[in-house]
Amino acid sequence: MNKESLVKVKLDYQNIGEEISHELGAKMIKNHHDKYSHQQSHSYIIGKNIIETILAQPGCVGIAFADAINEFGNKTLVYVGLDVKGNAIIELTTVDDHGKLAVTPAMIGDRLLPPPTSWFD
């Protein structure tokens, strides 16, 4: 085993993602539609408030989105905050009303809408 294979790569989760042009975004979506059809392609609307609430949790540097099926049998996304190591933040240590440490559930999101139209058509 060589030395390079022993080195762990540290991902910078807060800097994952980058701005792309409208043209590239439209091309990437069209490529998906061409390969998988419109019936298998989905886009969703997620409100600013839930995203900001998740990101405001202590230690949160990003959000992971997972495909899911909701309680009504519809395809949706579940979104959860990530810490600097890329671990899902599922609980938080807080101070309760009596000054004692308490563990509380972290914010995990769902509830979205399909967009009324596609911006790239």
PDB file of N, CA and C in Angstrom:
ATOM      1  N   MET A   1       0.859  -1.169   0.000  1.00  0.00           N
ATOM      2  CA  MET A   1       0.000   0.000   0.000  1.00  0.00           C
ATOM      3  C   MET A   1       0.906   1.232   0.000  1.00  0.00           C
ATOM      4  N   ASN A   2       0.625   2.153  -0.917  1.00  0.00           N
ATOM      5  CA  ASN A   2       1.476   3.338  -0.989  1.00  0.00           C
ATOM      6  C   ASN A   2       0.983   4.437  -0.048  1.00  0.00           C
ATOM      7  N   LYS A   3       1.837   5.413   0.146  1.00  0.00           N
ATOM      8  CA  LYS A   3       1.563   6.491   1.099  1.00  0.00           C
ATOM      9  C   LYS A   3       0.335   7.304   0.703  1.00  0.00           C
ATOM     10  N   GLU A   4       0.137   7.526  -0.611  1.00  0.00           N
ATOM     11  CA  GLU A   4      -1.006   8.324  -1.072  1.00  0.00           C
ATOM     12  C   GLU A   4      -2.335   7.674  -0.715  1.00  0.00           C
ATOM     13  N   SER A   5      -2.396   6.339  -0.733  1.00  0.00           N
ATOM     14  CA  SER A   5      -3.654   5.667  -0.423  1.00  0.00           C
ATOM     15  C   SER A   5      -3.994   5.734   1.055  1.00  0.00           C
ATOM     16  N   LEU A   6      -2.998   6.044   1.894  1.00  0.00           N
ATOM     17  CA  LEU A   6      -3.241   6.161   3.328  1.00  0.00           C
ATOM     18  C   LEU A   6      -3.699   7.555   3.748  1.00  0.00           C
ATOM     19  N   VAL A   7      -3.513   8.521   2.871  1.00  0.00           N
ATOM     20  CA  VAL A   7      -3.891   9.898   3.184  1.00  0.00           C
ATOM     21  C   VAL A   7      -5.401  10.042   3.019  1.00  0.00           C
ATOM     22  N   LYS A   8      -6.053  10.501   4.058  1.00  0.00           N
ATOM     23  CA  LYS A   8      -7.500  10.727   3.978  1.00  0.00           C
ATOM     24  C   LYS A   8      -7.741  12.116   3.404  1.00  0.00           C
ATOM     25  N   VAL A   9      -8.655  12.186   2.485  1.00  0.00           N
ATOM     26  CA  VAL A   9      -9.027  13.467   1.904  1.00  0.00           C
ATOM     27  C   VAL A   9     -10.072  14.106   2.806  1.00  0.00           C
ATOM     28  N   LYS A  10      -9.816  15.333   3.211  1.00  0.00           N
ATOM     29  CA  LYS A  10     -10.771  16.062   4.042  1.00  0.00           C
ATOM     30  C   LYS A  10     -11.637  16.913   3.121  1.00  0.00           C
ATOM     31  N   LEU A  11     -12.915  16.593   3.097  1.00  0.00           N
ATOM     32  CA  LEU A  11     -13.846  17.355   2.273  1.00  0.00           C
ATOM     33  C   LEU A  11     -14.270  18.620   2.990  1.00  0.00           C
ATOM     34  N   ASP A  12     -14.397  19.682   2.244  1.00  0.00           N
ATOM     35  CA  ASP A  12     -14.867  20.954   2.775  1.00  0.00           C
ATOM     36  C   ASP A  12     -16.343  21.086   2.415  1.00  0.00           C
ATOM     37  N   TYR A  13     -17.203  20.511   3.245  1.00  0.00           N
ATOM     38  CA  TYR A  13     -18.624  20.421   2.929  1.00  0.00           C
ATOM     39  C   TYR A  13     -19.285  21.781   2.745  1.00  0.00           C
ATOM     40  N   GLN A  14     -18.818  22.800   3.429  1.00  0.00           N
ATOM     41  CA  GLN A  14     -19.475  24.106   3.300  1.00  0.00           C
ATOM     42  C   GLN A  14     -19.197  24.755   1.955  1.00  0.00           C
ATOM     43  N   ASN A  15     -18.218  24.264   1.210  1.00  0.00           N
ATOM     44  CA  ASN A  15     -17.903  24.842  -0.095  1.00  0.00           C
ATOM     45  C   ASN A  15     -18.277  23.942  -1.265  1.00  0.00           C
ATOM     46  N   ILE A  16     -19.070  22.910  -1.019  1.00  0.00           N
ATOM     47  CA  ILE A  16     -19.531  22.057  -2.115  1.00  0.00           C
ATOM     48  C   ILE A  16     -20.605  22.809  -2.888  1.00  0.00           C
ATOM     49  N   GLY A  17     -20.507  22.787  -4.183  1.00  0.00           N
ATOM     50  CA  GLY A  17     -21.458  23.465  -5.056  1.00  0.00           C
ATOM     51  C   GLY A  17     -20.822  24.691  -5.668  1.00  0.00           C
ATOM     52  N   GLU A  18     -21.311  25.053  -6.809  1.00  0.00           N
ATOM     53  CA  GLU A  18     -20.820  26.254  -7.474  1.00  0.00           C
ATOM     54  C   GLU A  18     -21.893  26.808  -8.399  1.00  0.00           C
ATOM     55  N   GLU A  19     -21.778  28.063  -8.678  1.00  0.00           N
ATOM     56  CA  GLU A  19     -22.702  28.714  -9.601  1.00  0.00           C
ATOM     57  C   GLU A  19     -22.418  28.227 -11.010  1.00  0.00           C
ATOM     58  N   ILE A  20     -23.471  27.990 -11.763  1.00  0.00           N
ATOM     59  CA  ILE A  20     -23.331  27.648 -13.182  1.00  0.00           C
ATOM     60  C   ILE A  20     -24.209  28.598 -13.986  1.00  0.00           C
ATOM     61  N   SER A  21     -23.976  28.652 -15.278  1.00  0.00           N
ATOM     62  CA  SER A  21     -24.758  29.545 -16.135  1.00  0.00           C
ATOM     63  C   SER A  21     -26.172  28.986 -16.348  1.00  0.00           C
ATOM     64  N   HIS A  22     -27.073  29.857 -16.732  1.00  0.00           N
ATOM     65  CA  HIS A  22     -28.434  29.427 -17.059  1.00  0.00           C
ATOM     66  C   HIS A  22     -28.398  28.423 -18.206  1.00  0.00           C
ATOM     67  N   GLU A  23     -27.537  28.686 -19.186  1.00  0.00           N
ATOM     68  CA  GLU A  23     -27.438  27.798 -20.346  1.00  0.00           C
ATOM     69  C   GLU A  23     -26.989  26.399 -19.935  1.00  0.00           C
ATOM     70  N   LEU A  24     -25.965  26.314 -19.068  1.00  0.00           N
ATOM     71  CA  LEU A  24     -25.491  25.006 -18.626  1.00  0.00           C
ATOM     72  C   LEU A  24     -26.561  24.307 -17.799  1.00  0.00           C
ATOM     73  N   GLY A  25     -27.235  25.039 -16.927  1.00  0.00           N
ATOM     74  CA  GLY A  25     -28.310  24.447 -16.134  1.00  0.00           C
ATOM     75  C   GLY A  25     -29.404  23.874 -17.013  1.00  0.00           C
ATOM     76  N   ALA A  26     -29.828  24.635 -18.015  1.00  0.00           N
ATOM     77  CA  ALA A  26     -30.869  24.166 -18.933  1.00  0.00           C
ATOM     78  C   ALA A  26     -30.392  22.946 -19.719  1.00  0.00           C
ATOM     79  N   LYS A  27     -29.131  22.960 -20.146  1.00  0.00           N
ATOM     80  CA  LYS A  27     -28.578  21.830 -20.903  1.00  0.00           C
ATOM     81  C   LYS A  27     -28.531  20.575 -20.024  1.00  0.00           C
ATOM     82  N   MET A  28     -28.109  20.719 -18.785  1.00  0.00           N
ATOM     83  CA  MET A  28     -28.028  19.570 -17.885  1.00  0.00           C
ATOM     84  C   MET A  28     -29.419  18.977 -17.629  1.00  0.00           C
ATOM     85  N   ILE A  29     -30.417  19.833 -17.441  1.00  0.00           N
ATOM     86  CA  ILE A  29     -31.788  19.346 -17.232  1.00  0.00           C
ATOM     87  C   ILE A  29     -32.313  18.683 -18.495  1.00  0.00           C
ATOM     88  N   LYS A  30     -32.064  19.282 -19.653  1.00  0.00           N
ATOM     89  CA  LYS A  30     -32.496  18.675 -20.919  1.00  0.00           C
ATOM     90  C   LYS A  30     -31.836  17.318 -21.111  1.00  0.00           C
ATOM     91  N   ASN A  31     -30.552  17.211 -20.797  1.00  0.00           N
ATOM     92  CA  ASN A  31     -29.860  15.921 -20.913  1.00  0.00           C
ATOM     93  C   ASN A  31     -30.532  14.857 -20.050  1.00  0.00           C
ATOM     94  N   HIS A  32     -30.941  15.243 -18.839  1.00  0.00           N
ATOM     95  CA  HIS A  32     -31.634  14.297 -17.951  1.00  0.00           C
ATOM     96  C   HIS A  32     -32.977  13.896 -18.544  1.00  0.00           C
ATOM     97  N   HIS A  33     -33.720  14.872 -19.043  1.00  0.00           N
ATOM     98  CA  HIS A  33     -35.024  14.581 -19.652  1.00  0.00           C
ATOM     99  C   HIS A  33     -34.862  13.674 -20.864  1.00  0.00           C
ATOM    100  N   ASP A  34     -33.840  13.941 -21.675  1.00  0.00           N
ATOM    101  CA  ASP A  34     -33.609  13.122 -22.862  1.00  0.00           C
ATOM    102  C   ASP A  34     -33.273  11.683 -22.486  1.00  0.00           C
ATOM    103  N   LYS A  35     -32.521  11.505 -21.418  1.00  0.00           N
ATOM    104  CA  LYS A  35     -32.101  10.170 -21.014  1.00  0.00           C
ATOM    105  C   LYS A  35     -33.181   9.427 -20.244  1.00  0.00           C
ATOM    106  N   TYR A  36     -33.921  10.125 -19.367  1.00  0.00           N
ATOM    107  CA  TYR A  36     -34.852   9.449 -18.463  1.00  0.00           C
ATOM    108  C   TYR A  36     -36.322   9.792 -18.683  1.00  0.00           C
ATOM    109  N   SER A  37     -36.644  10.673 -19.578  1.00  0.00           N
ATOM    110  CA  SER A  37     -38.006  11.119 -19.884  1.00  0.00           C
ATOM    111  C   SER A  37     -38.521  12.114 -18.850  1.00  0.00           C
ATOM    112  N   HIS A  38     -39.500  12.897 -19.268  1.00  0.00           N
ATOM    113  CA  HIS A  38     -40.099  13.896 -18.373  1.00  0.00           C
ATOM    114  C   HIS A  38     -40.781  13.233 -17.180  1.00  0.00           C
ATOM    115  N   GLN A  39     -41.333  12.031 -17.348  1.00  0.00           N
ATOM    116  CA  GLN A  39     -42.037  11.365 -16.260  1.00  0.00           C
ATOM    117  C   GLN A  39     -41.097  10.983 -15.115  1.00  0.00           C
ATOM    118  N   GLN A  40     -39.825  10.754 -15.417  1.00  0.00           N
ATOM    119  CA  GLN A  40     -38.870  10.376 -14.385  1.00  0.00           C
ATOM    120  C   GLN A  40     -38.064  11.572 -13.873  1.00  0.00           C
ATOM    121  N   SER A  41     -38.280  12.743 -14.453  1.00  0.00           N
ATOM    122  CA  SER A  41     -37.550  13.941 -14.044  1.00  0.00           C
ATOM    123  C   SER A  41     -38.436  14.784 -13.141  1.00  0.00           C
ATOM    124  N   HIS A  42     -37.867  15.225 -12.041  1.00  0.00           N
ATOM    125  CA  HIS A  42     -38.629  16.011 -11.075  1.00  0.00           C
ATOM    126  C   HIS A  42     -37.832  17.236 -10.660  1.00  0.00           C
ATOM    127  N   SER A  43     -38.533  18.288 -10.368  1.00  0.00           N
ATOM    128  CA  SER A  43     -37.933  19.435  -9.712  1.00  0.00           C
ATOM    129  C   SER A  43     -38.903  19.858  -8.615  1.00  0.00           C
ATOM    130  N   TYR A  44     -38.381  20.558  -7.627  1.00  0.00           N
ATOM    131  CA  TYR A  44     -39.174  20.881  -6.457  1.00  0.00           C
ATOM    132  C   TYR A  44     -38.917  22.319  -6.024  1.00  0.00           C
ATOM    133  N   ILE A  45     -39.881  22.871  -5.305  1.00  0.00           N
ATOM    134  CA  ILE A  45     -39.726  24.178  -4.679  1.00  0.00           C
ATOM    135  C   ILE A  45     -39.585  23.944  -3.179  1.00  0.00           C
ATOM    136  N   ILE A  46     -38.522  24.509  -2.612  1.00  0.00           N
ATOM    137  CA  ILE A  46     -38.293  24.456  -1.169  1.00  0.00           C
ATOM    138  C   ILE A  46     -38.145  25.896  -0.701  1.00  0.00           C
ATOM    139  N   GLY A  47     -38.870  26.266   0.332  1.00  0.00           N
ATOM    140  CA  GLY A  47     -38.851  27.637   0.823  1.00  0.00           C
ATOM    141  C   GLY A  47     -37.562  28.026   1.537  1.00  0.00           C
ATOM    142  N   LYS A  48     -37.287  29.290   1.505  1.00  0.00           N
ATOM    143  CA  LYS A  48     -36.095  29.880   2.126  1.00  0.00           C
ATOM    144  C   LYS A  48     -36.046  29.637   3.631  1.00  0.00           C
ATOM    145  N   ASN A  49     -37.188  29.731   4.302  1.00  0.00           N
ATOM    146  CA  ASN A  49     -37.198  29.660   5.768  1.00  0.00           C
ATOM    147  C   ASN A  49     -36.684  28.332   6.302  1.00  0.00           C
ATOM    148  N   ILE A  50     -37.126  27.215   5.722  1.00  0.00           N
ATOM    149  CA  ILE A  50     -36.679  25.922   6.228  1.00  0.00           C
ATOM    150  C   ILE A  50     -35.185  25.725   5.949  1.00  0.00           C
ATOM    151  N   ILE A  51     -34.716  26.178   4.803  1.00  0.00           N
ATOM    152  CA  ILE A  51     -33.295  26.052   4.497  1.00  0.00           C
ATOM    153  C   ILE A  51     -32.465  26.882   5.462  1.00  0.00           C
ATOM    154  N   GLU A  52     -32.885  28.120   5.709  1.00  0.00           N
ATOM    155  CA  GLU A  52     -32.156  28.967   6.653  1.00  0.00           C
ATOM    156  C   GLU A  52     -32.208  28.410   8.073  1.00  0.00           C
ATOM    157  N   THR A  53     -33.335  27.824   8.461  1.00  0.00           N
ATOM    158  CA  THR A  53     -33.456  27.240   9.795  1.00  0.00           C
ATOM    159  C   THR A  53     -32.502  26.061   9.958  1.00  0.00           C
ATOM    160  N   ILE A  54     -32.442  25.207   8.966  1.00  0.00           N
ATOM    161  CA  ILE A  54     -31.511  24.070   9.032  1.00  0.00           C
ATOM    162  C   ILE A  54     -30.076  24.568   9.080  1.00  0.00           C
ATOM    163  N   LEU A  55     -29.722  25.504   8.202  1.00  0.00           N
ATOM    164  CA  LEU A  55     -28.353  26.017   8.165  1.00  0.00           C
ATOM    165  C   LEU A  55     -27.964  26.777   9.435  1.00  0.00           C
ATOM    166  N   ALA A  56     -28.937  27.324  10.153  1.00  0.00           N
ATOM    167  CA  ALA A  56     -28.650  28.095  11.367  1.00  0.00           C
ATOM    168  C   ALA A  56     -28.374  27.208  12.580  1.00  0.00           C
ATOM    169  N   GLN A  57     -28.573  25.904  12.455  1.00  0.00           N
ATOM    170  CA  GLN A  57     -28.285  25.013  13.576  1.00  0.00           C
ATOM    171  C   GLN A  57     -26.791  25.028  13.886  1.00  0.00           C
ATOM    172  N   PRO A  58     -26.436  24.955  15.163  1.00  0.00           N
ATOM    173  CA  PRO A  58     -25.014  24.966  15.525  1.00  0.00           C
ATOM    174  C   PRO A  58     -24.221  23.871  14.805  1.00  0.00           C
ATOM    175  N   GLY A  59     -23.125  24.276  14.179  1.00  0.00           N
ATOM    176  CA  GLY A  59     -22.246  23.326  13.506  1.00  0.00           C
ATOM    177  C   GLY A  59     -22.663  22.923  12.110  1.00  0.00           C
ATOM    178  N   CYS A  60     -23.776  23.464  11.613  1.00  0.00           N
ATOM    179  CA  CYS A  60     -24.268  23.089  10.290  1.00  0.00           C
ATOM    180  C   CYS A  60     -23.514  23.839   9.201  1.00  0.00           C
ATOM    181  N   VAL A  61     -22.959  23.097   8.233  1.00  0.00           N
ATOM    182  CA  VAL A  61     -22.212  23.712   7.131  1.00  0.00           C
ATOM    183  C   VAL A  61     -22.807  23.392   5.761  1.00  0.00           C
ATOM    184  N   GLY A  62     -23.829  22.570   5.718  1.00  0.00           N
ATOM    185  CA  GLY A  62     -24.441  22.209   4.443  1.00  0.00           C
ATOM    186  C   GLY A  62     -25.715  21.425   4.676  1.00  0.00           C
ATOM    187  N   ILE A  63     -26.363  21.047   3.578  1.00  0.00           N
ATOM    188  CA  ILE A  63     -27.614  20.291   3.645  1.00  0.00           C
ATOM    189  C   ILE A  63     -27.515  19.116   2.682  1.00  0.00           C
ATOM    190  N   ALA A  64     -27.955  17.946   3.143  1.00  0.00           N
ATOM    191  CA  ALA A  64     -28.080  16.770   2.283  1.00  0.00           C
ATOM    192  C   ALA A  64     -29.555  16.588   1.939  1.00  0.00           C
ATOM    193  N   PHE A  65     -29.828  16.227   0.699  1.00  0.00           N
ATOM    194  CA  PHE A  65     -31.192  15.980   0.234  1.00  0.00           C
ATOM    195  C   PHE A  65     -31.295  14.504  -0.144  1.00  0.00           C
ATOM    196  N   ALA A  66     -32.312  13.825   0.371  1.00  0.00           N
ATOM    197  CA  ALA A  66     -32.495  12.407   0.087  1.00  0.00           C
ATOM    198  C   ALA A  66     -33.871  12.174  -0.522  1.00  0.00           C
ATOM    199  N   ASP A  67     -33.923  11.342  -1.555  1.00  0.00           N
ATOM    200  CA  ASP A  67     -35.205  10.945  -2.118  1.00  0.00           C
ATOM    201  C   ASP A  67     -35.991  10.197  -1.053  1.00  0.00           C
ATOM    202  N   ALA A  68     -37.294  10.416  -1.022  1.00  0.00           N
ATOM    203  CA  ALA A  68     -38.134   9.779  -0.012  1.00  0.00           C
ATOM    204  C   ALA A  68     -39.561   9.646  -0.548  1.00  0.00           C
ATOM    205  N   ILE A  69     -40.355   8.871   0.138  1.00  0.00           N
ATOM    206  CA  ILE A  69     -41.790   8.746  -0.132  1.00  0.00           C
ATOM    207  C   ILE A  69     -42.498   9.222   1.129  1.00  0.00           C
ATOM    208  N   ASN A  70     -43.387  10.214   0.987  1.00  0.00           N
ATOM    209  CA  ASN A  70     -44.054  10.759   2.172  1.00  0.00           C
ATOM    210  C   ASN A  70     -45.206   9.873   2.633  1.00  0.00           C
ATOM    211  N   GLU A  71     -45.864  10.302   3.683  1.00  0.00           N
ATOM    212  CA  GLU A  71     -46.936   9.513   4.280  1.00  0.00           C
ATOM    213  C   GLU A  71     -48.154   9.351   3.365  1.00  0.00           C
ATOM    214  N   PHE A  72     -48.193  10.115   2.260  1.00  0.00           N
ATOM    215  CA  PHE A  72     -49.296  10.012   1.301  1.00  0.00           C
ATOM    216  C   PHE A  72     -48.904   9.167   0.086  1.00  0.00           C
ATOM    217  N   GLY A  73     -47.679   8.627   0.098  1.00  0.00           N
ATOM    218  CA  GLY A  73     -47.210   7.793  -1.006  1.00  0.00           C
ATOM    219  C   GLY A  73     -46.609   8.571  -2.157  1.00  0.00           C
ATOM    220  N   ASN A  74     -46.350   9.874  -1.960  1.00  0.00           N
ATOM    221  CA  ASN A  74     -45.796  10.717  -3.014  1.00  0.00           C
ATOM    222  C   ASN A  74     -44.286  10.866  -2.872  1.00  0.00           C
ATOM    223  N   LYS A  75     -43.607  10.943  -4.017  1.00  0.00           N
ATOM    224  CA  LYS A  75     -42.167  11.165  -4.003  1.00  0.00           C
ATOM    225  C   LYS A  75     -41.886  12.562  -3.448  1.00  0.00           C
ATOM    226  N   THR A  76     -40.877  12.663  -2.607  1.00  0.00           N
ATOM    227  CA  THR A  76     -40.516  13.928  -1.987  1.00  0.00           C
ATOM    228  C   THR A  76     -39.017  13.923  -1.699  1.00  0.00           C
ATOM    229  N   LEU A  77     -38.572  14.908  -0.985  1.00  0.00           N
ATOM    230  CA  LEU A  77     -37.200  14.970  -0.493  1.00  0.00           C
ATOM    231  C   LEU A  77     -37.240  15.161   1.013  1.00  0.00           C
ATOM    232  N   VAL A  78     -36.287  14.564   1.698  1.00  0.00           N
ATOM    233  CA  VAL A  78     -36.045  14.864   3.107  1.00  0.00           C
ATOM    234  C   VAL A  78     -34.694  15.552   3.144  1.00  0.00           C
ATOM    235  N   TYR A  79     -34.589  16.641   3.892  1.00  0.00           N
ATOM    236  CA  TYR A  79     -33.339  17.389   3.938  1.00  0.00           C
ATOM    237  C   TYR A  79     -32.890  17.554   5.375  1.00  0.00           C
ATOM    238  N   VAL A  80     -31.562  17.379   5.555  1.00  0.00           N
ATOM    239  CA  VAL A  80     -30.980  17.370   6.883  1.00  0.00           C
ATOM    240  C   VAL A  80     -29.659  18.128   6.853  1.00  0.00           C
ATOM    241  N   GLY A  81     -29.370  18.830   7.934  1.00  0.00           N
ATOM    242  CA  GLY A  81     -28.116  19.557   8.035  1.00  0.00           C
ATOM    243  C   GLY A  81     -26.926  18.620   8.163  1.00  0.00           C
ATOM    244  N   LEU A  82     -25.767  19.092   7.701  1.00  0.00           N
ATOM    245  CA  LEU A  82     -24.521  18.338   7.792  1.00  0.00           C
ATOM    246  C   LEU A  82     -23.502  19.115   8.611  1.00  0.00           C
ATOM    247  N   ASP A  83     -22.700  18.377   9.402  1.00  0.00           N
ATOM    248  CA  ASP A  83     -21.608  19.020  10.123  1.00  0.00           C
ATOM    249  C   ASP A  83     -20.351  19.038   9.245  1.00  0.00           C
ATOM    250  N   VAL A  84     -19.247  19.549   9.755  1.00  0.00           N
ATOM    251  CA  VAL A  84     -18.026  19.703   8.959  1.00  0.00           C
ATOM    252  C   VAL A  84     -17.445  18.373   8.493  1.00  0.00           C
ATOM    253  N   LYS A  85     -17.830  17.275   9.134  1.00  0.00           N
ATOM    254  CA  LYS A  85     -17.353  15.953   8.724  1.00  0.00           C
ATOM    255  C   LYS A  85     -18.303  15.282   7.739  1.00  0.00           C
ATOM    256  N   GLY A  86     -19.414  15.969   7.413  1.00  0.00           N
ATOM    257  CA  GLY A  86     -20.393  15.405   6.494  1.00  0.00           C
ATOM    258  C   GLY A  86     -21.407  14.496   7.153  1.00  0.00           C
ATOM    259  N   ASN A  87     -21.438  14.492   8.483  1.00  0.00           N
ATOM    260  CA  ASN A  87     -22.410  13.688   9.220  1.00  0.00           C
ATOM    261  C   ASN A  87     -23.730  14.434   9.337  1.00  0.00           C
ATOM    262  N   ALA A  88     -24.818  13.687   9.241  1.00  0.00           N
ATOM    263  CA  ALA A  88     -26.142  14.282   9.425  1.00  0.00           C
ATOM    264  C   ALA A  88     -26.286  14.764  10.857  1.00  0.00           C
ATOM    265  N   ILE A  89     -26.807  15.972  11.013  1.00  0.00           N
ATOM    266  CA  ILE A  89     -27.077  16.526  12.346  1.00  0.00           C
ATOM    267  C   ILE A  89     -28.495  16.100  12.711  1.00  0.00           C
ATOM    268  N   ILE A  90     -28.598  15.109  13.586  1.00  0.00           N
ATOM    269  CA  ILE A  90     -29.921  14.588  13.945  1.00  0.00           C
ATOM    270  C   ILE A  90     -30.342  14.962  15.362  1.00  0.00           C
ATOM    271  N   GLU A  91     -29.371  15.452  16.158  1.00  0.00           N
ATOM    272  CA  GLU A  91     -29.715  15.934  17.484  1.00  0.00           C
ATOM    273  C   GLU A  91     -28.764  17.056  17.875  1.00  0.00           C
ATOM    274  N   LEU A  92     -29.242  17.896  18.770  1.00  0.00           N
ATOM    275  CA  LEU A  92     -28.473  19.046  19.247  1.00  0.00           C
ATOM    276  C   LEU A  92     -28.403  19.023  20.757  1.00  0.00           C
ATOM    277  N   THR A  93     -27.292  19.459  21.285  1.00  0.00           N
ATOM    278  CA  THR A  93     -27.174  19.629  22.728  1.00  0.00           C
ATOM    279  C   THR A  93     -27.538  21.078  23.033  1.00  0.00           C
ATOM    280  N   THR A  94     -28.492  21.245  23.913  1.00  0.00           N
ATOM    281  CA  THR A  94     -28.984  22.579  24.260  1.00  0.00           C
ATOM    282  C   THR A  94     -29.014  22.733  25.780  1.00  0.00           C
ATOM    283  N   VAL A  95     -29.300  23.931  26.225  1.00  0.00           N
ATOM    284  CA  VAL A  95     -29.486  24.201  27.643  1.00  0.00           C
ATOM    285  C   VAL A  95     -30.976  24.423  27.867  1.00  0.00           C
ATOM    286  N   ASP A  96     -31.553  23.645  28.793  1.00  0.00           N
ATOM    287  CA  ASP A  96     -32.990  23.768  29.028  1.00  0.00           C
ATOM    288  C   ASP A  96     -33.305  24.962  29.938  1.00  0.00           C
ATOM    289  N   ASP A  97     -34.572  25.132  30.258  1.00  0.00           N
ATOM    290  CA  ASP A  97     -35.026  26.265  31.073  1.00  0.00           C
ATOM    291  C   ASP A  97     -34.444  26.277  32.487  1.00  0.00           C
ATOM    292  N   HIS A  98     -33.932  25.150  32.931  1.00  0.00           N
ATOM    293  CA  HIS A  98     -33.368  25.041  34.284  1.00  0.00           C
ATOM    294  C   HIS A  98     -31.846  25.098  34.268  1.00  0.00           C
ATOM    295  N   GLY A  99     -31.267  25.414  33.110  1.00  0.00           N
ATOM    296  CA  GLY A  99     -29.820  25.525  33.003  1.00  0.00           C
ATOM    297  C   GLY A  99     -29.092  24.208  32.857  1.00  0.00           C
ATOM    298  N   LYS A 100     -29.825  23.142  32.580  1.00  0.00           N
ATOM    299  CA  LYS A 100     -29.209  21.824  32.417  1.00  0.00           C
ATOM    300  C   LYS A 100     -29.072  21.496  30.932  1.00  0.00           C
ATOM    301  N   LEU A 101     -28.040  20.711  30.628  1.00  0.00           N
ATOM    302  CA  LEU A 101     -27.849  20.277  29.249  1.00  0.00           C
ATOM    303  C   LEU A 101     -28.941  19.288  28.867  1.00  0.00           C
ATOM    304  N   ALA A 102     -29.420  19.422  27.665  1.00  0.00           N
ATOM    305  CA  ALA A 102     -30.453  18.531  27.155  1.00  0.00           C
ATOM    306  C   ALA A 102     -30.143  18.214  25.693  1.00  0.00           C
ATOM    307  N   VAL A 103     -30.541  17.049  25.265  1.00  0.00           N
ATOM    308  CA  VAL A 103     -30.391  16.669  23.857  1.00  0.00           C
ATOM    309  C   VAL A 103     -31.767  16.783  23.217  1.00  0.00           C
ATOM    310  N   THR A 104     -31.840  17.547  22.126  1.00  0.00           N
ATOM    311  CA  THR A 104     -33.106  17.749  21.430  1.00  0.00           C
ATOM    312  C   THR A 104     -32.943  17.335  19.969  1.00  0.00           C
ATOM    313  N   PRO A 105     -34.028  16.953  19.323  1.00  0.00           N
ATOM    314  CA  PRO A 105     -33.927  16.594  17.907  1.00  0.00           C
ATOM    315  C   PRO A 105     -33.531  17.810  17.063  1.00  0.00           C
ATOM    316  N   ALA A 106     -32.692  17.580  16.090  1.00  0.00           N
ATOM    317  CA  ALA A 106     -32.327  18.640  15.145  1.00  0.00           C
ATOM    318  C   ALA A 106     -33.454  18.812  14.131  1.00  0.00           C
ATOM    319  N   MET A 107     -33.398  19.915  13.396  1.00  0.00           N
ATOM    320  CA  MET A 107     -34.391  20.196  12.366  1.00  0.00           C
ATOM    321  C   MET A 107     -34.121  19.312  11.146  1.00  0.00           C
ATOM    322  N   ILE A 108     -35.142  18.585  10.733  1.00  0.00           N
ATOM    323  CA  ILE A 108     -35.085  17.803   9.505  1.00  0.00           C
ATOM    324  C   ILE A 108     -36.279  18.253   8.677  1.00  0.00           C
ATOM    325  N   GLY A 109     -36.082  18.471   7.389  1.00  0.00           N
ATOM    326  CA  GLY A 109     -37.130  19.071   6.580  1.00  0.00           C
ATOM    327  C   GLY A 109     -37.783  18.141   5.583  1.00  0.00           C
ATOM    328  N   ASP A 110     -38.978  18.501   5.226  1.00  0.00           N
ATOM    329  CA  ASP A 110     -39.766  17.892   4.163  1.00  0.00           C
ATOM    330  C   ASP A 110     -40.807  18.938   3.787  1.00  0.00           C
ATOM    331  N   ARG A 111     -41.700  18.630   2.948  1.00  0.00           N
ATOM    332  CA  ARG A 111     -42.783  19.475   2.443  1.00  0.00           C
ATOM    333  C   ARG A 111     -42.233  20.393   1.362  1.00  0.00           C
ATOM    334  N   LEU A 112     -42.569  20.055   0.168  1.00  0.00           N
ATOM    335  CA  LEU A 112     -42.151  20.835  -0.986  1.00  0.00           C
ATOM    336  C   LEU A 112     -43.264  20.816  -2.003  1.00  0.00           C
ATOM    337  N   LEU A 113     -43.102  21.610  -3.025  1.00  0.00           N
ATOM    338  CA  LEU A 113     -44.084  21.676  -4.098  1.00  0.00           C
ATOM    339  C   LEU A 113     -43.393  21.479  -5.426  1.00  0.00           C
ATOM    340  N   PRO A 114     -44.078  20.866  -6.376  1.00  0.00           N
ATOM    341  CA  PRO A 114     -43.529  20.871  -7.720  1.00  0.00           C
ATOM    342  C   PRO A 114     -43.715  22.261  -8.319  1.00  0.00           C
ATOM    343  N   PRO A 115     -42.771  22.722  -9.132  1.00  0.00           N
ATOM    344  CA  PRO A 115     -42.945  24.055  -9.716  1.00  0.00           C
ATOM    345  C   PRO A 115     -44.085  24.055 -10.724  1.00  0.00           C
ATOM    346  N   PRO A 116     -44.793  25.191 -10.867  1.00  0.00           N
ATOM    347  CA  PRO A 116     -45.903  25.251 -11.813  1.00  0.00           C
ATOM    348  C   PRO A 116     -45.444  25.142 -13.266  1.00  0.00           C
ATOM    349  N   THR A 117     -44.257  25.612 -13.562  1.00  0.00           N
ATOM    350  CA  THR A 117     -43.698  25.509 -14.911  1.00  0.00           C
ATOM    351  C   THR A 117     -42.192  25.317 -14.803  1.00  0.00           C
ATOM    352  N   SER A 118     -41.575  24.922 -15.898  1.00  0.00           N
ATOM    353  CA  SER A 118     -40.124  24.772 -15.928  1.00  0.00           C
ATOM    354  C   SER A 118     -39.510  26.054 -16.478  1.00  0.00           C
ATOM    355  N   TRP A 119     -38.471  26.551 -15.869  1.00  0.00           N
ATOM    356  CA  TRP A 119     -37.829  27.792 -16.302  1.00  0.00           C
ATOM    357  C   TRP A 119     -37.038  27.611 -17.575  1.00  0.00           C
ATOM    358  N   PHE A 120     -36.701  26.384 -17.937  1.00  0.00           N
ATOM    359  CA  PHE A 120     -35.806  26.161 -19.068  1.00  0.00           C
ATOM    360  C   PHE A 120     -36.535  25.784 -20.348  1.00  0.00           C
ATOM    361  N   ASP A 121     -37.863  25.539 -20.281  1.00  0.00           N
ATOM    362  CA  ASP A 121     -38.610  25.156 -21.506  1.00  0.00           C
ATOM    363  C   ASP A 121     -38.816  26.345 -22.411  1.00  0.00           C
TER     364      ASP A 121
END
